[in-house]
Amino acid sequence: MNRNEFIRTKDEVEDPIFTFGYVSGTVKSGKITGKWTPPGPSPTNSVLLQPDVFKYFVEQASKFVGLT
């Protein structure tokens, strides 16, 4: 595989990868405010989570907001 080629075929993908992106915006009093646009290019603008890590994150976040 060419390391400069970022396209993977379906056969090469083992598990889904979840990502969270940071945006400029927020929610106030139940309403979206701001433009919700992504910041400029940076290696810290998003995080990639493997399925088991994503599941753990969701479980912990659910506890924090009282969903479980």
N, C-alpha and C. Protein backbone atom coordinates (compact mmCIF):
# COMPACT_ATOMS: atom_id res chain seq x y z
N MET A 1 0.84 -1.18 0.00
CA MET A 1 0.00 0.00 0.00
C MET A 1 0.89 1.24 0.00
N ASN A 2 0.53 2.19 -0.79
CA ASN A 2 1.23 3.46 -0.84
C ASN A 2 0.86 4.28 0.39
N ARG A 3 1.84 4.64 1.23
CA ARG A 3 1.52 5.35 2.48
C ARG A 3 0.98 6.75 2.26
N ASN A 4 1.08 7.26 1.05
CA ASN A 4 0.52 8.57 0.74
C ASN A 4 -0.90 8.47 0.17
N GLU A 5 -1.40 7.25 0.03
CA GLU A 5 -2.75 7.04 -0.48
C GLU A 5 -3.66 6.72 0.71
N PHE A 6 -4.66 7.53 0.93
CA PHE A 6 -5.49 7.42 2.12
C PHE A 6 -6.83 6.74 1.87
N ILE A 7 -6.96 6.04 0.79
CA ILE A 7 -8.20 5.33 0.50
C ILE A 7 -8.01 3.86 0.82
N ARG A 8 -8.95 3.29 1.60
CA ARG A 8 -8.89 1.88 1.93
C ARG A 8 -10.11 1.19 1.35
N THR A 9 -9.90 0.00 0.84
CA THR A 9 -11.03 -0.76 0.32
C THR A 9 -11.79 -1.35 1.50
N LYS A 10 -13.02 -1.80 1.25
CA LYS A 10 -13.84 -2.41 2.30
C LYS A 10 -13.14 -3.60 2.94
N ASP A 11 -12.39 -4.36 2.15
CA ASP A 11 -11.67 -5.53 2.66
C ASP A 11 -10.57 -5.15 3.65
N GLU A 12 -10.04 -3.95 3.55
CA GLU A 12 -8.95 -3.51 4.41
C GLU A 12 -9.42 -2.92 5.75
N VAL A 13 -10.70 -2.66 5.86
CA VAL A 13 -11.25 -2.04 7.07
C VAL A 13 -11.68 -3.12 8.04
N GLU A 14 -11.05 -3.15 9.22
CA GLU A 14 -11.35 -4.17 10.22
C GLU A 14 -12.56 -3.81 11.08
N ASP A 15 -12.60 -2.62 11.60
CA ASP A 15 -13.65 -2.16 12.49
C ASP A 15 -13.98 -0.71 12.14
N PRO A 16 -15.15 -0.27 12.56
CA PRO A 16 -15.43 1.16 12.36
C PRO A 16 -14.55 1.99 13.29
N ILE A 17 -14.27 3.19 12.89
CA ILE A 17 -13.55 4.14 13.73
C ILE A 17 -14.44 5.36 13.88
N PHE A 18 -14.71 5.75 15.11
CA PHE A 18 -15.56 6.90 15.37
C PHE A 18 -14.69 8.13 15.57
N THR A 19 -15.20 9.26 15.18
CA THR A 19 -14.44 10.49 15.35
C THR A 19 -15.34 11.59 15.91
N PHE A 20 -14.73 12.44 16.70
CA PHE A 20 -15.39 13.63 17.21
C PHE A 20 -14.61 14.81 16.68
N GLY A 21 -15.30 15.76 16.11
CA GLY A 21 -14.64 16.96 15.62
C GLY A 21 -14.98 18.14 16.50
N TYR A 22 -14.02 19.01 16.66
CA TYR A 22 -14.25 20.24 17.42
C TYR A 22 -14.81 21.30 16.49
N VAL A 23 -15.77 22.04 16.96
CA VAL A 23 -16.35 23.12 16.16
C VAL A 23 -16.42 24.39 17.00
N SER A 24 -16.51 25.50 16.31
CA SER A 24 -16.66 26.79 16.99
C SER A 24 -18.15 27.06 17.13
N GLY A 25 -18.69 26.82 18.28
CA GLY A 25 -20.10 27.01 18.55
C GLY A 25 -20.45 26.32 19.86
N THR A 26 -21.66 26.50 20.34
CA THR A 26 -22.06 25.89 21.60
C THR A 26 -23.58 25.77 21.65
N VAL A 27 -24.07 25.27 22.75
CA VAL A 27 -25.51 25.20 22.97
C VAL A 27 -25.81 25.98 24.25
N LYS A 28 -26.70 26.94 24.17
CA LYS A 28 -27.10 27.74 25.33
C LYS A 28 -28.61 27.69 25.46
N SER A 29 -29.07 27.31 26.63
CA SER A 29 -30.51 27.24 26.89
C SER A 29 -31.23 26.38 25.85
N GLY A 30 -30.58 25.30 25.43
CA GLY A 30 -31.19 24.38 24.47
C GLY A 30 -31.17 24.84 23.03
N LYS A 31 -30.46 25.94 22.74
CA LYS A 31 -30.40 26.44 21.37
C LYS A 31 -28.96 26.49 20.89
N ILE A 32 -28.77 26.11 19.63
CA ILE A 32 -27.44 26.14 19.03
C ILE A 32 -27.06 27.59 18.78
N THR A 33 -25.86 27.97 19.23
CA THR A 33 -25.36 29.32 18.98
C THR A 33 -24.01 29.22 18.28
N GLY A 34 -23.63 30.26 17.61
CA GLY A 34 -22.37 30.26 16.87
C GLY A 34 -22.57 29.64 15.49
N LYS A 35 -21.50 29.62 14.72
CA LYS A 35 -21.59 29.13 13.35
C LYS A 35 -21.39 27.63 13.24
N TRP A 36 -20.85 27.00 14.24
CA TRP A 36 -20.56 25.56 14.24
C TRP A 36 -19.67 25.21 13.04
N THR A 37 -18.64 25.99 12.86
CA THR A 37 -17.68 25.73 11.80
C THR A 37 -16.42 25.11 12.40
N PRO A 38 -15.74 24.27 11.66
CA PRO A 38 -14.51 23.68 12.19
C PRO A 38 -13.40 24.72 12.26
N PRO A 39 -12.50 24.57 13.21
CA PRO A 39 -11.35 25.48 13.27
C PRO A 39 -10.40 25.19 12.11
N GLY A 40 -9.36 25.98 11.98
CA GLY A 40 -8.37 25.77 10.92
C GLY A 40 -7.67 24.43 11.06
N PRO A 41 -6.95 24.01 10.05
CA PRO A 41 -6.25 22.72 10.08
C PRO A 41 -5.30 22.61 11.27
N SER A 42 -5.36 21.48 11.96
CA SER A 42 -4.51 21.23 13.11
C SER A 42 -4.58 19.75 13.45
N PRO A 43 -3.50 19.17 13.96
CA PRO A 43 -3.54 17.75 14.34
C PRO A 43 -4.38 17.49 15.59
N THR A 44 -4.84 18.54 16.25
CA THR A 44 -5.62 18.36 17.48
C THR A 44 -7.09 18.73 17.33
N ASN A 45 -7.59 18.82 16.11
CA ASN A 45 -8.98 19.22 15.88
C ASN A 45 -9.98 18.10 16.00
N SER A 46 -9.53 16.86 16.06
CA SER A 46 -10.46 15.75 16.21
C SER A 46 -9.74 14.58 16.87
N VAL A 47 -10.54 13.63 17.29
CA VAL A 47 -9.98 12.44 17.92
C VAL A 47 -10.61 11.21 17.25
N LEU A 48 -9.80 10.19 17.03
CA LEU A 48 -10.30 8.94 16.45
C LEU A 48 -10.39 7.91 17.56
N LEU A 49 -11.52 7.23 17.65
CA LEU A 49 -11.73 6.24 18.70
C LEU A 49 -12.07 4.89 18.11
N GLN A 50 -11.35 3.86 18.52
CA GLN A 50 -11.68 2.49 18.14
C GLN A 50 -12.99 2.11 18.83
N PRO A 51 -13.73 1.11 18.33
CA PRO A 51 -15.04 0.77 18.89
C PRO A 51 -15.07 0.54 20.39
N ASP A 52 -14.09 -0.19 20.95
CA ASP A 52 -14.12 -0.44 22.39
C ASP A 52 -13.89 0.83 23.19
N VAL A 53 -13.06 1.71 22.69
CA VAL A 53 -12.81 2.99 23.37
C VAL A 53 -14.05 3.88 23.26
N PHE A 54 -14.68 3.88 22.08
CA PHE A 54 -15.90 4.67 21.90
C PHE A 54 -17.00 4.18 22.84
N LYS A 55 -17.15 2.87 22.96
CA LYS A 55 -18.16 2.29 23.85
C LYS A 55 -17.91 2.73 25.29
N TYR A 56 -16.66 2.68 25.74
CA TYR A 56 -16.31 3.12 27.09
C TYR A 56 -16.65 4.60 27.27
N PHE A 57 -16.28 5.42 26.28
CA PHE A 57 -16.55 6.85 26.34
C PHE A 57 -18.05 7.12 26.48
N VAL A 58 -18.86 6.43 25.68
CA VAL A 58 -20.31 6.61 25.73
C VAL A 58 -20.86 6.18 27.09
N GLU A 59 -20.37 5.05 27.60
CA GLU A 59 -20.82 4.58 28.92
C GLU A 59 -20.50 5.60 30.00
N GLN A 60 -19.30 6.13 29.99
CA GLN A 60 -18.91 7.11 31.01
C GLN A 60 -19.67 8.42 30.85
N ALA A 61 -19.83 8.87 29.62
CA ALA A 61 -20.58 10.11 29.38
C ALA A 61 -22.03 9.95 29.81
N SER A 62 -22.61 8.77 29.57
CA SER A 62 -23.99 8.51 29.97
C SER A 62 -24.15 8.60 31.49
N LYS A 63 -23.16 8.11 32.21
CA LYS A 63 -23.20 8.20 33.68
C LYS A 63 -23.16 9.67 34.12
N PHE A 64 -22.33 10.45 33.44
CA PHE A 64 -22.13 11.84 33.81
C PHE A 64 -23.44 12.64 33.64
N VAL A 65 -24.17 12.36 32.58
CA VAL A 65 -25.39 13.11 32.32
C VAL A 65 -26.63 12.41 32.87
N GLY A 66 -26.41 11.32 33.59
CA GLY A 66 -27.52 10.64 34.26
C GLY A 66 -28.38 9.78 33.36
N LEU A 67 -27.82 9.25 32.28
CA LEU A 67 -28.61 8.41 31.38
C LEU A 67 -28.63 6.95 31.81
N THR A 68 -27.66 6.56 32.66
CA THR A 68 -27.64 5.17 33.12
C THR A 68 -27.63 5.12 34.62
